[in-house]
Amino acid sequence: MAMPEPGMDEGYDYGTRVRVVRSLRNDGTYPGLDRGDLLVRRGAVGVVIGRGTFLQDQVIYSVHFLDVDRVVGCRDRELIPADAPWVPSRFEPRDRVHPRIPLGIRGEVVAPAGTPGEVLQVLRDAPGGVAYHVDFHGRILEVPETALAAPEEEET
């Protein structure tokens, strides 16, 4: 018999407001959406409406995210209390972005403004604010949030 994870008896009660700490995508079990489709973005707040177990040792919370009107199963490690400190970010891993300004290394421009890129990682505790690891055609750069735009944004 598998032993429960430490602290399994602790957790969130019915009606507790929680925040999801990573974006949740359909693993194929959410009806009406394709596998990989975004269910809830990181930082969304929801309300615990149920609690169960998976494989007898993993607590799964049913969380109703009112903004998108979805009930999603979440593991304990994917949740924090809604009132806990949180650093929001504009982009998430897999988001398409482009630099607002030319990006360079040692004076050489390696990603001109408008170059398409893909966010690989969010760096919430970067000095100076949120930054990202972004892949620009095989070259990975650490870019501050202020230097990035979404593809649909007009360049200024």
Protein backbone atom coordinates (compact mmCIF):
# COMPACT_ATOMS: atom_id res chain seq x y z
CA MET A 1 0.00 0.00 0.00
CA ALA A 2 1.34 3.44 -0.96
CA MET A 3 1.91 5.88 1.84
CA PRO A 4 0.25 9.29 1.54
CA GLU A 5 2.43 12.28 0.83
CA PRO A 6 3.49 14.26 3.91
CA GLY A 7 0.82 16.77 4.78
CA MET A 8 -1.84 15.01 2.71
CA ASP A 9 -4.38 15.52 5.49
CA GLU A 10 -3.73 19.26 5.35
CA GLY A 11 -4.81 21.31 2.43
CA TYR A 12 -7.66 23.39 1.15
CA ASP A 13 -11.23 23.14 2.38
CA TYR A 14 -14.42 23.55 0.38
CA GLY A 15 -14.93 27.23 -0.46
CA THR A 16 -11.26 28.20 -0.11
CA ARG A 17 -10.04 30.69 -2.72
CA VAL A 18 -6.83 29.48 -4.38
CA ARG A 19 -4.48 30.63 -7.14
CA VAL A 20 -3.00 28.27 -9.72
CA VAL A 21 0.81 28.70 -9.97
CA ARG A 22 1.27 27.23 -13.43
CA SER A 23 -0.80 27.24 -16.57
CA LEU A 24 -2.95 24.12 -16.86
CA ARG A 25 -3.46 22.41 -20.20
CA ASN A 26 -5.84 19.65 -21.22
CA ASP A 27 -4.21 16.25 -20.72
CA GLY A 28 -6.97 14.71 -22.82
CA THR A 29 -9.45 14.28 -19.97
CA TYR A 30 -11.21 17.63 -20.25
CA PRO A 31 -14.24 17.24 -22.55
CA GLY A 32 -14.76 19.47 -25.56
CA LEU A 33 -11.17 20.66 -25.90
CA ASP A 34 -8.16 19.19 -27.65
CA ARG A 35 -5.19 17.73 -25.81
CA GLY A 36 -2.77 20.55 -25.04
CA ASP A 37 -5.41 23.30 -25.11
CA LEU A 38 -5.04 25.89 -22.35
CA LEU A 39 -7.58 25.38 -19.56
CA VAL A 40 -6.48 28.01 -17.03
CA ARG A 41 -3.64 30.55 -17.13
CA ARG A 42 -1.10 30.75 -14.35
CA GLY A 43 -2.25 33.21 -11.69
CA ALA A 44 -5.98 32.56 -12.14
CA VAL A 45 -8.02 32.47 -8.94
CA GLY A 46 -10.67 29.86 -8.29
CA VAL A 47 -12.70 28.29 -5.50
CA VAL A 48 -12.22 24.75 -4.19
CA ILE A 49 -15.48 22.85 -4.70
CA GLY A 50 -14.26 19.33 -4.01
CA ARG A 51 -11.38 17.13 -2.99
CA GLY A 52 -10.50 13.57 -3.95
CA THR A 53 -7.57 11.26 -4.45
CA PHE A 54 -5.84 9.82 -7.47
CA LEU A 55 -3.98 6.51 -7.22
CA GLN A 56 -4.81 6.48 -3.51
CA ASP A 57 -2.02 8.86 -2.55
CA GLN A 58 -2.39 12.09 -4.55
CA VAL A 59 -4.85 14.75 -3.45
CA ILE A 60 -6.71 16.35 -6.35
CA TYR A 61 -8.83 19.45 -5.80
CA SER A 62 -11.76 20.36 -8.01
CA VAL A 63 -11.37 24.09 -8.49
CA HIS A 64 -13.98 26.28 -10.17
CA PHE A 65 -12.28 29.11 -12.03
CA LEU A 66 -15.13 31.60 -12.35
CA ASP A 67 -13.45 33.87 -14.93
CA VAL A 68 -13.40 31.05 -17.50
CA ASP A 69 -16.28 29.07 -15.94
CA ARG A 70 -14.27 25.83 -15.80
CA VAL A 71 -13.88 23.21 -13.11
CA VAL A 72 -10.36 21.80 -13.29
CA GLY A 73 -8.61 19.14 -11.23
CA CYS A 74 -5.50 20.55 -9.54
CA ARG A 75 -2.73 18.97 -7.49
CA ASP A 76 -1.77 20.56 -4.19
CA ARG A 77 1.60 21.69 -5.59
CA GLU A 78 -0.20 23.63 -8.35
CA LEU A 79 -2.09 25.81 -5.85
CA ILE A 80 -1.38 28.55 -3.34
CA PRO A 81 -3.83 30.55 -1.23
CA ALA A 82 -5.38 33.33 -3.32
CA ASP A 83 -4.11 35.98 -0.91
CA ALA A 84 -0.48 34.73 -0.95
CA PRO A 85 2.10 37.01 -2.60
CA TRP A 86 2.04 36.66 -6.38
CA VAL A 87 4.10 38.24 -9.18
CA PRO A 88 1.98 38.37 -12.35
CA SER A 89 3.53 38.06 -15.78
CA ARG A 90 2.27 39.02 -19.25
CA PHE A 91 3.51 35.88 -20.98
CA GLU A 92 3.66 32.15 -20.29
CA PRO A 93 5.83 29.33 -21.65
CA ARG A 94 4.95 28.54 -25.28
CA ASP A 95 3.59 32.06 -25.89
CA ARG A 96 4.74 33.72 -29.11
CA VAL A 97 6.44 37.10 -28.63
CA HIS A 98 8.70 39.56 -30.41
CA PRO A 99 11.14 42.17 -29.13
CA ARG A 100 9.96 45.77 -29.13
CA ILE A 101 13.58 46.88 -29.57
CA PRO A 102 16.66 45.28 -31.15
CA LEU A 103 18.30 42.80 -28.73
CA GLY A 104 22.05 42.49 -28.73
CA ILE A 105 24.99 40.73 -27.16
CA ARG A 106 28.24 42.72 -26.79
CA GLY A 107 27.02 45.34 -29.24
CA GLU A 108 25.91 42.87 -31.94
CA VAL A 109 22.18 42.76 -32.71
CA VAL A 110 21.08 39.12 -32.51
CA ALA A 111 17.31 39.65 -32.56
CA PRO A 112 16.05 42.74 -34.42
CA ALA A 113 12.79 44.33 -33.27
CA GLY A 114 9.88 42.24 -34.49
CA THR A 115 11.79 38.92 -34.68
CA PRO A 116 9.39 36.11 -33.76
CA GLY A 117 10.27 34.13 -30.66
CA GLU A 118 8.80 31.64 -28.20
CA VAL A 119 8.83 31.96 -24.41
CA LEU A 120 10.56 28.98 -22.83
CA GLN A 121 10.58 30.03 -19.17
CA VAL A 122 9.24 32.79 -16.91
CA LEU A 123 11.75 34.30 -14.47
CA ARG A 124 9.61 35.91 -11.76
CA ASP A 125 12.46 36.75 -9.40
CA ALA A 126 14.82 38.31 -11.95
CA PRO A 127 16.57 41.51 -10.85
CA GLY A 128 14.58 44.44 -12.18
CA GLY A 129 11.31 42.52 -12.53
CA VAL A 130 9.86 39.70 -14.57
CA ALA A 131 12.04 38.39 -17.41
CA TYR A 132 11.85 35.46 -19.81
CA HIS A 133 14.05 32.94 -21.54
CA VAL A 134 12.99 33.35 -25.18
CA ASP A 135 14.02 31.24 -28.16
CA PHE A 136 14.70 33.38 -31.23
CA HIS A 137 15.45 30.95 -34.08
CA GLY A 138 17.58 28.68 -31.89
CA ARG A 139 19.23 31.47 -29.90
CA ILE A 140 17.97 31.68 -26.31
CA LEU A 141 18.07 35.10 -24.69
CA GLU A 142 17.01 36.37 -21.28
CA VAL A 143 14.72 39.30 -22.02
CA PRO A 144 12.98 41.69 -19.59
CA GLU A 145 9.20 41.79 -19.88
CA THR A 146 9.26 45.46 -20.87
CA ALA A 147 11.22 44.61 -24.03
CA LEU A 148 8.65 42.10 -25.35
CA ALA A 149 5.32 42.36 -27.14
CA ALA A 150 2.73 39.85 -28.28
CA PRO A 151 2.53 39.30 -32.07
CA GLU A 152 -0.83 41.06 -32.33
CA GLU A 153 0.46 44.24 -30.63
CA GLU A 154 1.39 47.15 -32.85
CA GLU A 155 5.03 48.18 -32.66
CA THR A 156 5.51 51.69 -31.41
